[in-house]
């Protein structure tokens, strides 16, 4: 595949959608869900997402001829698209964490949702 080098995707939109949003996003959702279920902090979520973003960047590199952090000549491009991947994954993980935390709070403190009669 020849790279299109868009602002958000490196090779093609469909490759970005499949690898970053669907595959990586599924993992990010589960990371957000697990940190909410274990009442872990946002720092642990951010650390896990760094590892996931590295894995997503490697999949872009290995399967779709994207850039990675090595060789040094492609470091800047790989870092840019790695940050884009990280931002997308943070948004998905935050959504997953928020959904699960909302369910936990409404189950634990359900009396707060009731209207005064």
PDB file of N, CA and C in Angstrom:
ATOM      1  N   UNK A   1       0.830  -1.181   0.000  1.00  0.00           N
ATOM      2  CA  UNK A   1       0.000   0.000   0.000  1.00  0.00           C
ATOM      3  C   UNK A   1       0.872   1.241   0.000  1.00  0.00           C
ATOM      4  N   UNK A   2       0.468   2.228  -0.743  1.00  0.00           N
ATOM      5  CA  UNK A   2       1.204   3.479  -0.731  1.00  0.00           C
ATOM      6  C   UNK A   2       0.599   4.406   0.323  1.00  0.00           C
ATOM      7  N   UNK A   3       1.434   5.041   1.119  1.00  0.00           N
ATOM      8  CA  UNK A   3       0.915   5.897   2.180  1.00  0.00           C
ATOM      9  C   UNK A   3       0.196   7.122   1.642  1.00  0.00           C
ATOM     10  N   UNK A   4      -0.928   7.463   2.267  1.00  0.00           N
ATOM     11  CA  UNK A   4      -1.643   8.690   1.938  1.00  0.00           C
ATOM     12  C   UNK A   4      -1.194   9.834   2.828  1.00  0.00           C
ATOM     13  N   UNK A   5      -0.711   9.520   4.045  1.00  0.00           N
ATOM     14  CA  UNK A   5      -0.209  10.492   5.002  1.00  0.00           C
ATOM     15  C   UNK A   5      -1.216  11.602   5.288  1.00  0.00           C
ATOM     16  N   UNK A   6      -2.380  11.211   5.810  1.00  0.00           N
ATOM     17  CA  UNK A   6      -3.349  12.197   6.247  1.00  0.00           C
ATOM     18  C   UNK A   6      -2.955  12.764   7.603  1.00  0.00           C
ATOM     19  N   UNK A   7      -3.741  13.688   8.096  1.00  0.00           N
ATOM     20  CA  UNK A   7      -3.447  14.277   9.406  1.00  0.00           C
ATOM     21  C   UNK A   7      -3.647  13.253  10.512  1.00  0.00           C
ATOM     22  N   UNK A   8      -4.672  12.405  10.368  1.00  0.00           N
ATOM     23  CA  UNK A   8      -4.975  11.437  11.420  1.00  0.00           C
ATOM     24  C   UNK A   8      -4.485  10.036  11.073  1.00  0.00           C
ATOM     25  N   UNK A   9      -4.532   9.642   9.826  1.00  0.00           N
ATOM     26  CA  UNK A   9      -4.094   8.296   9.465  1.00  0.00           C
ATOM     27  C   UNK A   9      -2.878   8.371   8.568  1.00  0.00           C
ATOM     28  N   UNK A  10      -2.110   7.303   8.629  1.00  0.00           N
ATOM     29  CA  UNK A  10      -0.840   7.283   7.905  1.00  0.00           C
ATOM     30  C   UNK A  10      -0.949   6.599   6.556  1.00  0.00           C
ATOM     31  N   UNK A  11      -1.566   5.445   6.506  1.00  0.00           N
ATOM     32  CA  UNK A  11      -1.619   4.693   5.251  1.00  0.00           C
ATOM     33  C   UNK A  11      -2.963   4.917   4.574  1.00  0.00           C
ATOM     34  N   UNK A  12      -4.031   4.385   5.136  1.00  0.00           N
ATOM     35  CA  UNK A  12      -5.377   4.627   4.612  1.00  0.00           C
ATOM     36  C   UNK A  12      -6.332   4.812   5.779  1.00  0.00           C
ATOM     37  N   UNK A  13      -7.485   5.388   5.493  1.00  0.00           N
ATOM     38  CA  UNK A  13      -8.501   5.565   6.529  1.00  0.00           C
ATOM     39  C   UNK A  13      -8.983   4.219   7.037  1.00  0.00           C
ATOM     40  N   UNK A  14      -9.157   3.260   6.132  1.00  0.00           N
ATOM     41  CA  UNK A  14      -9.697   1.947   6.521  1.00  0.00           C
ATOM     42  C   UNK A  14      -8.735   1.195   7.415  1.00  0.00           C
ATOM     43  N   UNK A  15      -7.454   1.337   7.151  1.00  0.00           N
ATOM     44  CA  UNK A  15      -6.445   0.717   8.007  1.00  0.00           C
ATOM     45  C   UNK A  15      -6.469   1.352   9.391  1.00  0.00           C
ATOM     46  N   UNK A  16      -6.586   2.675   9.460  1.00  0.00           N
ATOM     47  CA  UNK A  16      -6.687   3.372  10.739  1.00  0.00           C
ATOM     48  C   UNK A  16      -7.941   2.943  11.487  1.00  0.00           C
ATOM     49  N   UNK A  17      -9.052   2.866  10.777  1.00  0.00           N
ATOM     50  CA  UNK A  17     -10.309   2.465  11.400  1.00  0.00           C
ATOM     51  C   UNK A  17     -10.212   1.055  11.965  1.00  0.00           C
ATOM     52  N   UNK A  18      -9.663   0.133  11.194  1.00  0.00           N
ATOM     53  CA  UNK A  18      -9.589  -1.256  11.632  1.00  0.00           C
ATOM     54  C   UNK A  18      -8.603  -1.440  12.784  1.00  0.00           C
ATOM     55  N   UNK A  19      -7.381  -0.952  12.623  1.00  0.00           N
ATOM     56  CA  UNK A  19      -6.346  -1.232  13.620  1.00  0.00           C
ATOM     57  C   UNK A  19      -6.510  -0.362  14.866  1.00  0.00           C
ATOM     58  N   UNK A  20      -6.621   0.945  14.683  1.00  0.00           N
ATOM     59  CA  UNK A  20      -6.642   1.835  15.843  1.00  0.00           C
ATOM     60  C   UNK A  20      -8.002   1.851  16.516  1.00  0.00           C
ATOM     61  N   UNK A  21      -9.058   2.054  15.737  1.00  0.00           N
ATOM     62  CA  UNK A  21     -10.370   2.251  16.346  1.00  0.00           C
ATOM     63  C   UNK A  21     -11.004   0.927  16.761  1.00  0.00           C
ATOM     64  N   UNK A  22     -10.989  -0.076  15.894  1.00  0.00           N
ATOM     65  CA  UNK A  22     -11.680  -1.323  16.218  1.00  0.00           C
ATOM     66  C   UNK A  22     -10.817  -2.232  17.104  1.00  0.00           C
ATOM     67  N   UNK A  23      -9.617  -2.579  16.652  1.00  0.00           N
ATOM     68  CA  UNK A  23      -8.772  -3.476  17.455  1.00  0.00           C
ATOM     69  C   UNK A  23      -8.239  -2.777  18.707  1.00  0.00           C
ATOM     70  N   UNK A  24      -7.558  -1.660  18.516  1.00  0.00           N
ATOM     71  CA  UNK A  24      -7.021  -0.931  19.662  1.00  0.00           C
ATOM     72  C   UNK A  24      -8.109  -0.360  20.542  1.00  0.00           C
ATOM     73  N   UNK A  25      -9.198   0.104  19.928  1.00  0.00           N
ATOM     74  CA  UNK A  25     -10.309   0.656  20.697  1.00  0.00           C
ATOM     75  C   UNK A  25     -10.985  -0.383  21.566  1.00  0.00           C
ATOM     76  N   UNK A  26     -11.083  -1.605  21.070  1.00  0.00           N
ATOM     77  CA  UNK A  26     -11.631  -2.686  21.897  1.00  0.00           C
ATOM     78  C   UNK A  26     -10.760  -2.941  23.113  1.00  0.00           C
ATOM     79  N   UNK A  27      -9.459  -2.948  22.902  1.00  0.00           N
ATOM     80  CA  UNK A  27      -8.547  -3.110  24.033  1.00  0.00           C
ATOM     81  C   UNK A  27      -8.599  -1.932  24.982  1.00  0.00           C
ATOM     82  N   UNK A  28      -8.712  -0.727  24.434  1.00  0.00           N
ATOM     83  CA  UNK A  28      -8.790   0.472  25.267  1.00  0.00           C
ATOM     84  C   UNK A  28     -10.074   0.473  26.094  1.00  0.00           C
ATOM     85  N   UNK A  29     -11.184   0.053  25.475  1.00  0.00           N
ATOM     86  CA  UNK A  29     -12.445  -0.029  26.215  1.00  0.00           C
ATOM     87  C   UNK A  29     -12.307  -0.987  27.398  1.00  0.00           C
ATOM     88  N   UNK A  30     -11.661  -2.126  27.157  1.00  0.00           N
ATOM     89  CA  UNK A  30     -11.472  -3.100  28.228  1.00  0.00           C
ATOM     90  C   UNK A  30     -10.516  -2.580  29.305  1.00  0.00           C
ATOM     91  N   UNK A  31      -9.521  -1.808  28.923  1.00  0.00           N
ATOM     92  CA  UNK A  31      -8.626  -1.199  29.911  1.00  0.00           C
ATOM     93  C   UNK A  31      -9.407  -0.210  30.769  1.00  0.00           C
ATOM     94  N   UNK A  32     -10.217   0.621  30.132  1.00  0.00           N
ATOM     95  CA  UNK A  32     -11.039   1.555  30.890  1.00  0.00           C
ATOM     96  C   UNK A  32     -12.011   0.845  31.805  1.00  0.00           C
ATOM     97  N   UNK A  33     -12.595  -0.221  31.311  1.00  0.00           N
ATOM     98  CA  UNK A  33     -13.540  -1.012  32.105  1.00  0.00           C
ATOM     99  C   UNK A  33     -12.840  -1.655  33.302  1.00  0.00           C
ATOM    100  N   UNK A  34     -11.672  -2.233  33.063  1.00  0.00           N
ATOM    101  CA  UNK A  34     -10.979  -2.924  34.156  1.00  0.00           C
ATOM    102  C   UNK A  34     -10.469  -1.953  35.214  1.00  0.00           C
ATOM    103  N   UNK A  35     -10.011  -0.776  34.814  1.00  0.00           N
ATOM    104  CA  UNK A  35      -9.558   0.182  35.827  1.00  0.00           C
ATOM    105  C   UNK A  35     -10.734   0.734  36.625  1.00  0.00           C
ATOM    106  N   UNK A  36     -11.910   0.798  36.019  1.00  0.00           N
ATOM    107  CA  UNK A  36     -13.087   1.229  36.778  1.00  0.00           C
ATOM    108  C   UNK A  36     -13.540   0.134  37.742  1.00  0.00           C
ATOM    109  N   UNK A  37     -13.527  -1.115  37.293  1.00  0.00           N
ATOM    110  CA  UNK A  37     -13.979  -2.215  38.148  1.00  0.00           C
ATOM    111  C   UNK A  37     -13.062  -2.438  39.345  1.00  0.00           C
ATOM    112  N   UNK A  38     -11.778  -2.184  39.178  1.00  0.00           N
ATOM    113  CA  UNK A  38     -10.833  -2.375  40.273  1.00  0.00           C
ATOM    114  C   UNK A  38     -10.576  -1.085  41.041  1.00  0.00           C
ATOM    115  N   UNK A  39     -11.276  -0.020  40.709  1.00  0.00           N
ATOM    116  CA  UNK A  39     -11.152   1.285  41.341  1.00  0.00           C
ATOM    117  C   UNK A  39      -9.716   1.790  41.275  1.00  0.00           C
ATOM    118  N   UNK A  40      -9.048   1.506  40.160  1.00  0.00           N
ATOM    119  CA  UNK A  40      -7.689   1.999  39.953  1.00  0.00           C
ATOM    120  C   UNK A  40      -7.738   3.438  39.447  1.00  0.00           C
ATOM    121  N   UNK A  41      -6.612   4.114  39.532  1.00  0.00           N
ATOM    122  CA  UNK A  41      -6.545   5.519  39.145  1.00  0.00           C
ATOM    123  C   UNK A  41      -6.313   5.726  37.658  1.00  0.00           C
ATOM    124  N   UNK A  42      -6.356   6.998  37.284  1.00  0.00           N
ATOM    125  CA  UNK A  42      -6.145   7.363  35.887  1.00  0.00           C
ATOM    126  C   UNK A  42      -4.700   7.146  35.455  1.00  0.00           C
ATOM    127  N   UNK A  43      -3.766   7.200  36.395  1.00  0.00           N
ATOM    128  CA  UNK A  43      -2.356   6.996  36.063  1.00  0.00           C
ATOM    129  C   UNK A  43      -2.086   5.590  35.548  1.00  0.00           C
ATOM    130  N   UNK A  44      -2.701   4.611  36.180  1.00  0.00           N
ATOM    131  CA  UNK A  44      -2.542   3.231  35.728  1.00  0.00           C
ATOM    132  C   UNK A  44      -3.177   3.045  34.347  1.00  0.00           C
ATOM    133  N   UNK A  45      -4.324   3.683  34.134  1.00  0.00           N
ATOM    134  CA  UNK A  45      -4.971   3.635  32.825  1.00  0.00           C
ATOM    135  C   UNK A  45      -4.051   4.235  31.761  1.00  0.00           C
ATOM    136  N   UNK A  46      -3.424   5.370  32.064  1.00  0.00           N
ATOM    137  CA  UNK A  46      -2.532   6.022  31.102  1.00  0.00           C
ATOM    138  C   UNK A  46      -1.324   5.134  30.783  1.00  0.00           C
ATOM    139  N   UNK A  47      -0.785   4.463  31.795  1.00  0.00           N
ATOM    140  CA  UNK A  47       0.354   3.572  31.575  1.00  0.00           C
ATOM    141  C   UNK A  47      -0.030   2.398  30.669  1.00  0.00           C
ATOM    142  N   UNK A  48      -1.157   1.784  30.960  1.00  0.00           N
ATOM    143  CA  UNK A  48      -1.617   0.672  30.126  1.00  0.00           C
ATOM    144  C   UNK A  48      -1.869   1.123  28.692  1.00  0.00           C
ATOM    145  N   UNK A  49      -2.365   2.334  28.530  1.00  0.00           N
ATOM    146  CA  UNK A  49      -2.643   2.832  27.183  1.00  0.00           C
ATOM    147  C   UNK A  49      -1.366   3.149  26.411  1.00  0.00           C
ATOM    148  N   UNK A  50      -0.306   3.521  27.106  1.00  0.00           N
ATOM    149  CA  UNK A  50       0.983   3.700  26.428  1.00  0.00           C
ATOM    150  C   UNK A  50       1.432   2.373  25.828  1.00  0.00           C
ATOM    151  N   UNK A  51       1.312   1.302  26.618  1.00  0.00           N
ATOM    152  CA  UNK A  51       1.685  -0.022  26.114  1.00  0.00           C
ATOM    153  C   UNK A  51       0.805  -0.447  24.941  1.00  0.00           C
ATOM    154  N   UNK A  52      -0.497  -0.171  25.046  1.00  0.00           N
ATOM    155  CA  UNK A  52      -1.414  -0.508  23.960  1.00  0.00           C
ATOM    156  C   UNK A  52      -1.125   0.317  22.714  1.00  0.00           C
ATOM    157  N   UNK A  53      -0.806   1.589  22.881  1.00  0.00           N
ATOM    158  CA  UNK A  53      -0.479   2.441  21.736  1.00  0.00           C
ATOM    159  C   UNK A  53       0.788   1.955  21.034  1.00  0.00           C
ATOM    160  N   UNK A  54       1.761   1.479  21.797  1.00  0.00           N
ATOM    161  CA  UNK A  54       2.959   0.893  21.185  1.00  0.00           C
ATOM    162  C   UNK A  54       2.607  -0.355  20.375  1.00  0.00           C
ATOM    163  N   UNK A  55       1.725  -1.181  20.907  1.00  0.00           N
ATOM    164  CA  UNK A  55       1.305  -2.384  20.178  1.00  0.00           C
ATOM    165  C   UNK A  55       0.533  -2.022  18.920  1.00  0.00           C
ATOM    166  N   UNK A  56      -0.333  -1.032  19.007  1.00  0.00           N
ATOM    167  CA  UNK A  56      -1.097  -0.589  17.830  1.00  0.00           C
ATOM    168  C   UNK A  56      -0.157  -0.021  16.771  1.00  0.00           C
ATOM    169  N   UNK A  57       0.826   0.773  17.192  1.00  0.00           N
ATOM    170  CA  UNK A  57       1.796   1.339  16.252  1.00  0.00           C
ATOM    171  C   UNK A  57       2.593   0.219  15.590  1.00  0.00           C
ATOM    172  N   UNK A  58       2.928  -0.833  16.341  1.00  0.00           N
ATOM    173  CA  UNK A  58       3.653  -1.952  15.759  1.00  0.00           C
ATOM    174  C   UNK A  58       2.795  -2.691  14.736  1.00  0.00           C
ATOM    175  N   UNK A  59       1.510  -2.844  14.995  1.00  0.00           N
ATOM    176  CA  UNK A  59       0.624  -3.491  14.010  1.00  0.00           C
ATOM    177  C   UNK A  59       0.552  -2.659  12.738  1.00  0.00           C
ATOM    178  N   UNK A  60       0.457  -1.331  12.872  1.00  0.00           N
ATOM    179  CA  UNK A  60       0.491  -0.466  11.688  1.00  0.00           C
ATOM    180  C   UNK A  60       1.781  -0.690  10.903  1.00  0.00           C
ATOM    181  N   UNK A  61       2.883  -0.811  11.613  1.00  0.00           N
ATOM    182  CA  UNK A  61       4.189  -1.003  10.985  1.00  0.00           C
ATOM    183  C   UNK A  61       4.314  -2.375  10.334  1.00  0.00           C
ATOM    184  N   UNK A  62       3.939  -3.411  11.063  1.00  0.00           N
ATOM    185  CA  UNK A  62       4.180  -4.778  10.598  1.00  0.00           C
ATOM    186  C   UNK A  62       3.240  -5.198   9.466  1.00  0.00           C
ATOM    187  N   UNK A  63       1.985  -4.783   9.524  1.00  0.00           N
ATOM    188  CA  UNK A  63       1.017  -5.266   8.551  1.00  0.00           C
ATOM    189  C   UNK A  63       0.731  -4.297   7.412  1.00  0.00           C
ATOM    190  N   UNK A  64       0.877  -3.001   7.657  1.00  0.00           N
ATOM    191  CA  UNK A  64       0.434  -2.025   6.667  1.00  0.00           C
ATOM    192  C   UNK A  64       1.521  -1.054   6.232  1.00  0.00           C
ATOM    193  N   UNK A  65       2.791  -1.390   6.476  1.00  0.00           N
ATOM    194  CA  UNK A  65       3.927  -0.570   6.060  1.00  0.00           C
ATOM    195  C   UNK A  65       3.881   0.842   6.616  1.00  0.00           C
ATOM    196  N   UNK A  66       3.383   0.986   7.828  1.00  0.00           N
ATOM    197  CA  UNK A  66       3.427   2.274   8.502  1.00  0.00           C
ATOM    198  C   UNK A  66       4.798   2.485   9.112  1.00  0.00           C
ATOM    199  N   UNK A  67       4.948   3.572   9.831  1.00  0.00           N
ATOM    200  CA  UNK A  67       6.232   3.850  10.469  1.00  0.00           C
ATOM    201  C   UNK A  67       6.204   3.397  11.915  1.00  0.00           C
ATOM    202  N   UNK A  68       7.394   3.093  12.411  1.00  0.00           N
ATOM    203  CA  UNK A  68       7.560   2.758  13.817  1.00  0.00           C
ATOM    204  C   UNK A  68       8.614   3.706  14.361  1.00  0.00           C
ATOM    205  N   UNK A  69       9.120   3.482  15.525  1.00  0.00           N
ATOM    206  CA  UNK A  69      10.076   4.394  16.139  1.00  0.00           C
ATOM    207  C   UNK A  69      11.512   4.129  15.708  1.00  0.00           C
ATOM    208  N   UNK A  70      11.739   3.026  15.042  1.00  0.00           N
ATOM    209  CA  UNK A  70      13.055   2.718  14.484  1.00  0.00           C
ATOM    210  C   UNK A  70      12.892   2.392  13.015  1.00  0.00           C
ATOM    211  N   UNK A  71      13.749   2.762  12.154  1.00  0.00           N
ATOM    212  CA  UNK A  71      15.020   3.463  12.328  1.00  0.00           C
ATOM    213  C   UNK A  71      14.805   4.921  12.716  1.00  0.00           C
ATOM    214  N   UNK A  72      15.890   5.568  13.086  1.00  0.00           N
ATOM    215  CA  UNK A  72      15.827   6.932  13.597  1.00  0.00           C
ATOM    216  C   UNK A  72      15.274   7.896  12.549  1.00  0.00           C
ATOM    217  N   UNK A  73      15.442   7.596  11.283  1.00  0.00           N
ATOM    218  CA  UNK A  73      14.968   8.494  10.225  1.00  0.00           C
ATOM    219  C   UNK A  73      13.441   8.607  10.200  1.00  0.00           C
ATOM    220  N   UNK A  74      12.733   7.621  10.708  1.00  0.00           N
ATOM    221  CA  UNK A  74      11.270   7.668  10.734  1.00  0.00           C
ATOM    222  C   UNK A  74      10.719   7.914  12.131  1.00  0.00           C
ATOM    223  N   UNK A  75      11.579   8.278  13.073  1.00  0.00           N
ATOM    224  CA  UNK A  75      11.146   8.450  14.458  1.00  0.00           C
ATOM    225  C   UNK A  75      10.095   9.556  14.606  1.00  0.00           C
ATOM    226  N   UNK A  76      10.301  10.679  13.944  1.00  0.00           N
ATOM    227  CA  UNK A  76       9.365  11.796  14.059  1.00  0.00           C
ATOM    228  C   UNK A  76       7.982  11.456  13.543  1.00  0.00           C
ATOM    229  N   UNK A  77       7.917  10.807  12.404  1.00  0.00           N
ATOM    230  CA  UNK A  77       6.631  10.405  11.840  1.00  0.00           C
ATOM    231  C   UNK A  77       5.972   9.348  12.714  1.00  0.00           C
ATOM    232  N   UNK A  78       6.743   8.380  13.168  1.00  0.00           N
ATOM    233  CA  UNK A  78       6.204   7.344  14.046  1.00  0.00           C
ATOM    234  C   UNK A  78       5.704   7.919  15.356  1.00  0.00           C
ATOM    235  N   UNK A  79       6.419   8.894  15.897  1.00  0.00           N
ATOM    236  CA  UNK A  79       6.002   9.531  17.144  1.00  0.00           C
ATOM    237  C   UNK A  79       4.708  10.317  16.940  1.00  0.00           C
ATOM    238  N   UNK A  80       4.607  11.036  15.834  1.00  0.00           N
ATOM    239  CA  UNK A  80       3.395  11.809  15.556  1.00  0.00           C
ATOM    240  C   UNK A  80       2.165  10.902  15.486  1.00  0.00           C
ATOM    241  N   UNK A  81       2.255   9.847  14.685  1.00  0.00           N
ATOM    242  CA  UNK A  81       1.109   8.945  14.551  1.00  0.00           C
ATOM    243  C   UNK A  81       0.897   8.104  15.813  1.00  0.00           C
ATOM    244  N   UNK A  82       1.944   7.861  16.573  1.00  0.00           N
ATOM    245  CA  UNK A  82       1.792   7.192  17.862  1.00  0.00           C
ATOM    246  C   UNK A  82       1.009   8.056  18.839  1.00  0.00           C
ATOM    247  N   UNK A  83       1.254   9.356  18.831  1.00  0.00           N
ATOM    248  CA  UNK A  83       0.499  10.274  19.687  1.00  0.00           C
ATOM    249  C   UNK A  83      -0.957  10.332  19.252  1.00  0.00           C
ATOM    250  N   UNK A  84      -1.202  10.330  17.942  1.00  0.00           N
ATOM    251  CA  UNK A  84      -2.580  10.306  17.436  1.00  0.00           C
ATOM    252  C   UNK A  84      -3.286   9.036  17.909  1.00  0.00           C
ATOM    253  N   UNK A  85      -2.610   7.894  17.775  1.00  0.00           N
ATOM    254  CA  UNK A  85      -3.184   6.627  18.247  1.00  0.00           C
ATOM    255  C   UNK A  85      -3.478   6.697  19.741  1.00  0.00           C
ATOM    256  N   UNK A  86      -2.553   7.252  20.506  1.00  0.00           N
ATOM    257  CA  UNK A  86      -2.724   7.351  21.957  1.00  0.00           C
ATOM    258  C   UNK A  86      -3.934   8.215  22.314  1.00  0.00           C
ATOM    259  N   UNK A  87      -4.106   9.325  21.630  1.00  0.00           N
ATOM    260  CA  UNK A  87      -5.240  10.212  21.912  1.00  0.00           C
ATOM    261  C   UNK A  87      -6.562   9.506  21.627  1.00  0.00           C
ATOM    262  N   UNK A  88      -6.628   8.794  20.510  1.00  0.00           N
ATOM    263  CA  UNK A  88      -7.850   8.056  20.174  1.00  0.00           C
ATOM    264  C   UNK A  88      -8.125   6.979  21.218  1.00  0.00           C
ATOM    265  N   UNK A  89      -7.089   6.264  21.633  1.00  0.00           N
ATOM    266  CA  UNK A  89      -7.255   5.209  22.627  1.00  0.00           C
ATOM    267  C   UNK A  89      -7.642   5.767  23.992  1.00  0.00           C
ATOM    268  N   UNK A  90      -7.116   6.930  24.367  1.00  0.00           N
ATOM    269  CA  UNK A  90      -7.497   7.554  25.638  1.00  0.00           C
ATOM    270  C   UNK A  90      -8.972   7.918  25.620  1.00  0.00           C
ATOM    271  N   UNK A  91      -9.443   8.448  24.503  1.00  0.00           N
ATOM    272  CA  UNK A  91     -10.859   8.824  24.414  1.00  0.00           C
ATOM    273  C   UNK A  91     -11.763   7.601  24.562  1.00  0.00           C
ATOM    274  N   UNK A  92     -11.408   6.508  23.919  1.00  0.00           N
ATOM    275  CA  UNK A  92     -12.221   5.295  24.008  1.00  0.00           C
ATOM    276  C   UNK A  92     -12.151   4.692  25.405  1.00  0.00           C
ATOM    277  N   UNK A  93     -10.955   4.669  25.999  1.00  0.00           N
ATOM    278  CA  UNK A  93     -10.807   4.123  27.349  1.00  0.00           C
ATOM    279  C   UNK A  93     -11.547   4.975  28.377  1.00  0.00           C
ATOM    280  N   UNK A  94     -11.505   6.285  28.210  1.00  0.00           N
ATOM    281  CA  UNK A  94     -12.224   7.164  29.132  1.00  0.00           C
ATOM    282  C   UNK A  94     -13.728   6.943  29.024  1.00  0.00           C
ATOM    283  N   UNK A  95     -14.214   6.707  27.810  1.00  0.00           N
ATOM    284  CA  UNK A  95     -15.639   6.418  27.640  1.00  0.00           C
ATOM    285  C   UNK A  95     -16.006   5.108  28.325  1.00  0.00           C
ATOM    286  N   UNK A  96     -15.183   4.080  28.154  1.00  0.00           N
ATOM    287  CA  UNK A  96     -15.446   2.800  28.822  1.00  0.00           C
ATOM    288  C   UNK A  96     -15.399   2.916  30.323  1.00  0.00           C
ATOM    289  N   UNK A  97     -14.445   3.660  30.831  1.00  0.00           N
ATOM    290  CA  UNK A  97     -14.334   3.859  32.277  1.00  0.00           C
ATOM    291  C   UNK A  97     -15.535   4.619  32.822  1.00  0.00           C
ATOM    292  N   UNK A  98     -15.966   5.634  32.084  1.00  0.00           N
ATOM    293  CA  UNK A  98     -17.100   6.445  32.528  1.00  0.00           C
ATOM    294  C   UNK A  98     -18.392   5.639  32.557  1.00  0.00           C
ATOM    295  N   UNK A  99     -18.601   4.825  31.543  1.00  0.00           N
ATOM    296  CA  UNK A  99     -19.817   4.009  31.489  1.00  0.00           C
ATOM    297  C   UNK A  99     -19.860   3.038  32.668  1.00  0.00           C
ATOM    298  N   UNK A 100     -18.759   2.354  32.924  1.00  0.00           N
ATOM    299  CA  UNK A 100     -18.728   1.373  34.012  1.00  0.00           C
ATOM    300  C   UNK A 100     -18.813   2.068  35.365  1.00  0.00           C
ATOM    301  N   UNK A 101     -18.131   3.189  35.529  1.00  0.00           N
ATOM    302  CA  UNK A 101     -18.171   3.900  36.798  1.00  0.00           C
ATOM    303  C   UNK A 101     -19.568   4.445  37.070  1.00  0.00           C
ATOM    304  N   UNK A 102     -20.261   4.885  36.024  1.00  0.00           N
ATOM    305  CA  UNK A 102     -21.637   5.350  36.185  1.00  0.00           C
ATOM    306  C   UNK A 102     -22.542   4.214  36.643  1.00  0.00           C
ATOM    307  N   UNK A 103     -22.361   3.026  36.073  1.00  0.00           N
ATOM    308  CA  UNK A 103     -23.142   1.861  36.499  1.00  0.00           C
ATOM    309  C   UNK A 103     -22.840   1.511  37.956  1.00  0.00           C
ATOM    310  N   UNK A 104     -21.565   1.567  38.338  1.00  0.00           N
ATOM    311  CA  UNK A 104     -21.193   1.263  39.717  1.00  0.00           C
ATOM    312  C   UNK A 104     -21.835   2.252  40.688  1.00  0.00           C
ATOM    313  N   UNK A 105     -21.771   3.517  40.360  1.00  0.00           N
ATOM    314  CA  UNK A 105     -22.293   4.541  41.255  1.00  0.00           C
ATOM    315  C   UNK A 105     -23.812   4.476  41.360  1.00  0.00           C
ATOM    316  N   UNK A 106     -24.491   4.217  40.255  1.00  0.00           N
ATOM    317  CA  UNK A 106     -25.953   4.138  40.319  1.00  0.00           C
ATOM    318  C   UNK A 106     -26.403   2.883  41.067  1.00  0.00           C
ATOM    319  N   UNK A 107     -25.620   1.805  40.980  1.00  0.00           N
ATOM    320  CA  UNK A 107     -25.959   0.598  41.719  1.00  0.00           C
ATOM    321  C   UNK A 107     -25.676   0.785  43.212  1.00  0.00           C
ATOM    322  N   UNK A 108     -24.542   1.403  43.537  1.00  0.00           N
ATOM    323  CA  UNK A 108     -24.155   1.581  44.931  1.00  0.00           C
ATOM    324  C   UNK A 108     -24.959   2.694  45.618  1.00  0.00           C
ATOM    325  N   UNK A 109     -25.189   3.774  44.887  1.00  0.00           N
ATOM    326  CA  UNK A 109     -25.865   4.931  45.472  1.00  0.00           C
ATOM    327  C   UNK A 109     -27.133   5.240  44.691  1.00  0.00           C
ATOM    328  N   UNK A 110     -27.965   4.244  44.514  1.00  0.00           N
ATOM    329  CA  UNK A 110     -29.184   4.379  43.730  1.00  0.00           C
ATOM    330  C   UNK A 110     -30.175   5.350  44.339  1.00  0.00           C
ATOM    331  N   UNK A 111     -30.104   5.546  45.627  1.00  0.00           N
ATOM    332  CA  UNK A 111     -31.042   6.452  46.280  1.00  0.00           C
ATOM    333  C   UNK A 111     -30.840   7.906  45.847  1.00  0.00           C
ATOM    334  N   UNK A 112     -29.683   8.236  45.294  1.00  0.00           N
ATOM    335  CA  UNK A 112     -29.450   9.593  44.852  1.00  0.00           C
ATOM    336  C   UNK A 112     -30.206   9.923  43.566  1.00  0.00           C
ATOM    337  N   UNK A 113     -30.566   8.910  42.781  1.00  0.00           N
ATOM    338  CA  UNK A 113     -31.271   9.122  41.527  1.00  0.00           C
ATOM    339  C   UNK A 113     -32.777   9.291  41.724  1.00  0.00           C
ATOM    340  N   UNK A 114     -33.273   8.882  42.850  1.00  0.00           N
ATOM    341  CA  UNK A 114     -34.732   8.919  43.075  1.00  0.00           C
ATOM    342  C   UNK A 114     -35.192  10.340  43.360  1.00  0.00           C
ATOM    343  N   UNK A 115     -36.344  10.675  42.832  1.00  0.00           N
ATOM    344  CA  UNK A 115     -36.951  11.973  43.088  1.00  0.00           C
ATOM    345  C   UNK A 115     -37.627  11.970  44.453  1.00  0.00           C
ATOM    346  N   UNK A 116     -37.563  13.081  45.137  1.00  0.00           N
ATOM    347  CA  UNK A 116     -38.267  13.192  46.432  1.00  0.00           C
ATOM    348  C   UNK A 116     -39.774  13.274  46.175  1.00  0.00           C
ATOM    349  N   UNK A 117     -40.524  12.427  46.843  1.00  0.00           N
ATOM    350  CA  UNK A 117     -41.977  12.374  46.603  1.00  0.00           C
ATOM    351  C   UNK A 117     -42.732  13.334  47.483  1.00  0.00           C
TER     352      UNK A 117
END
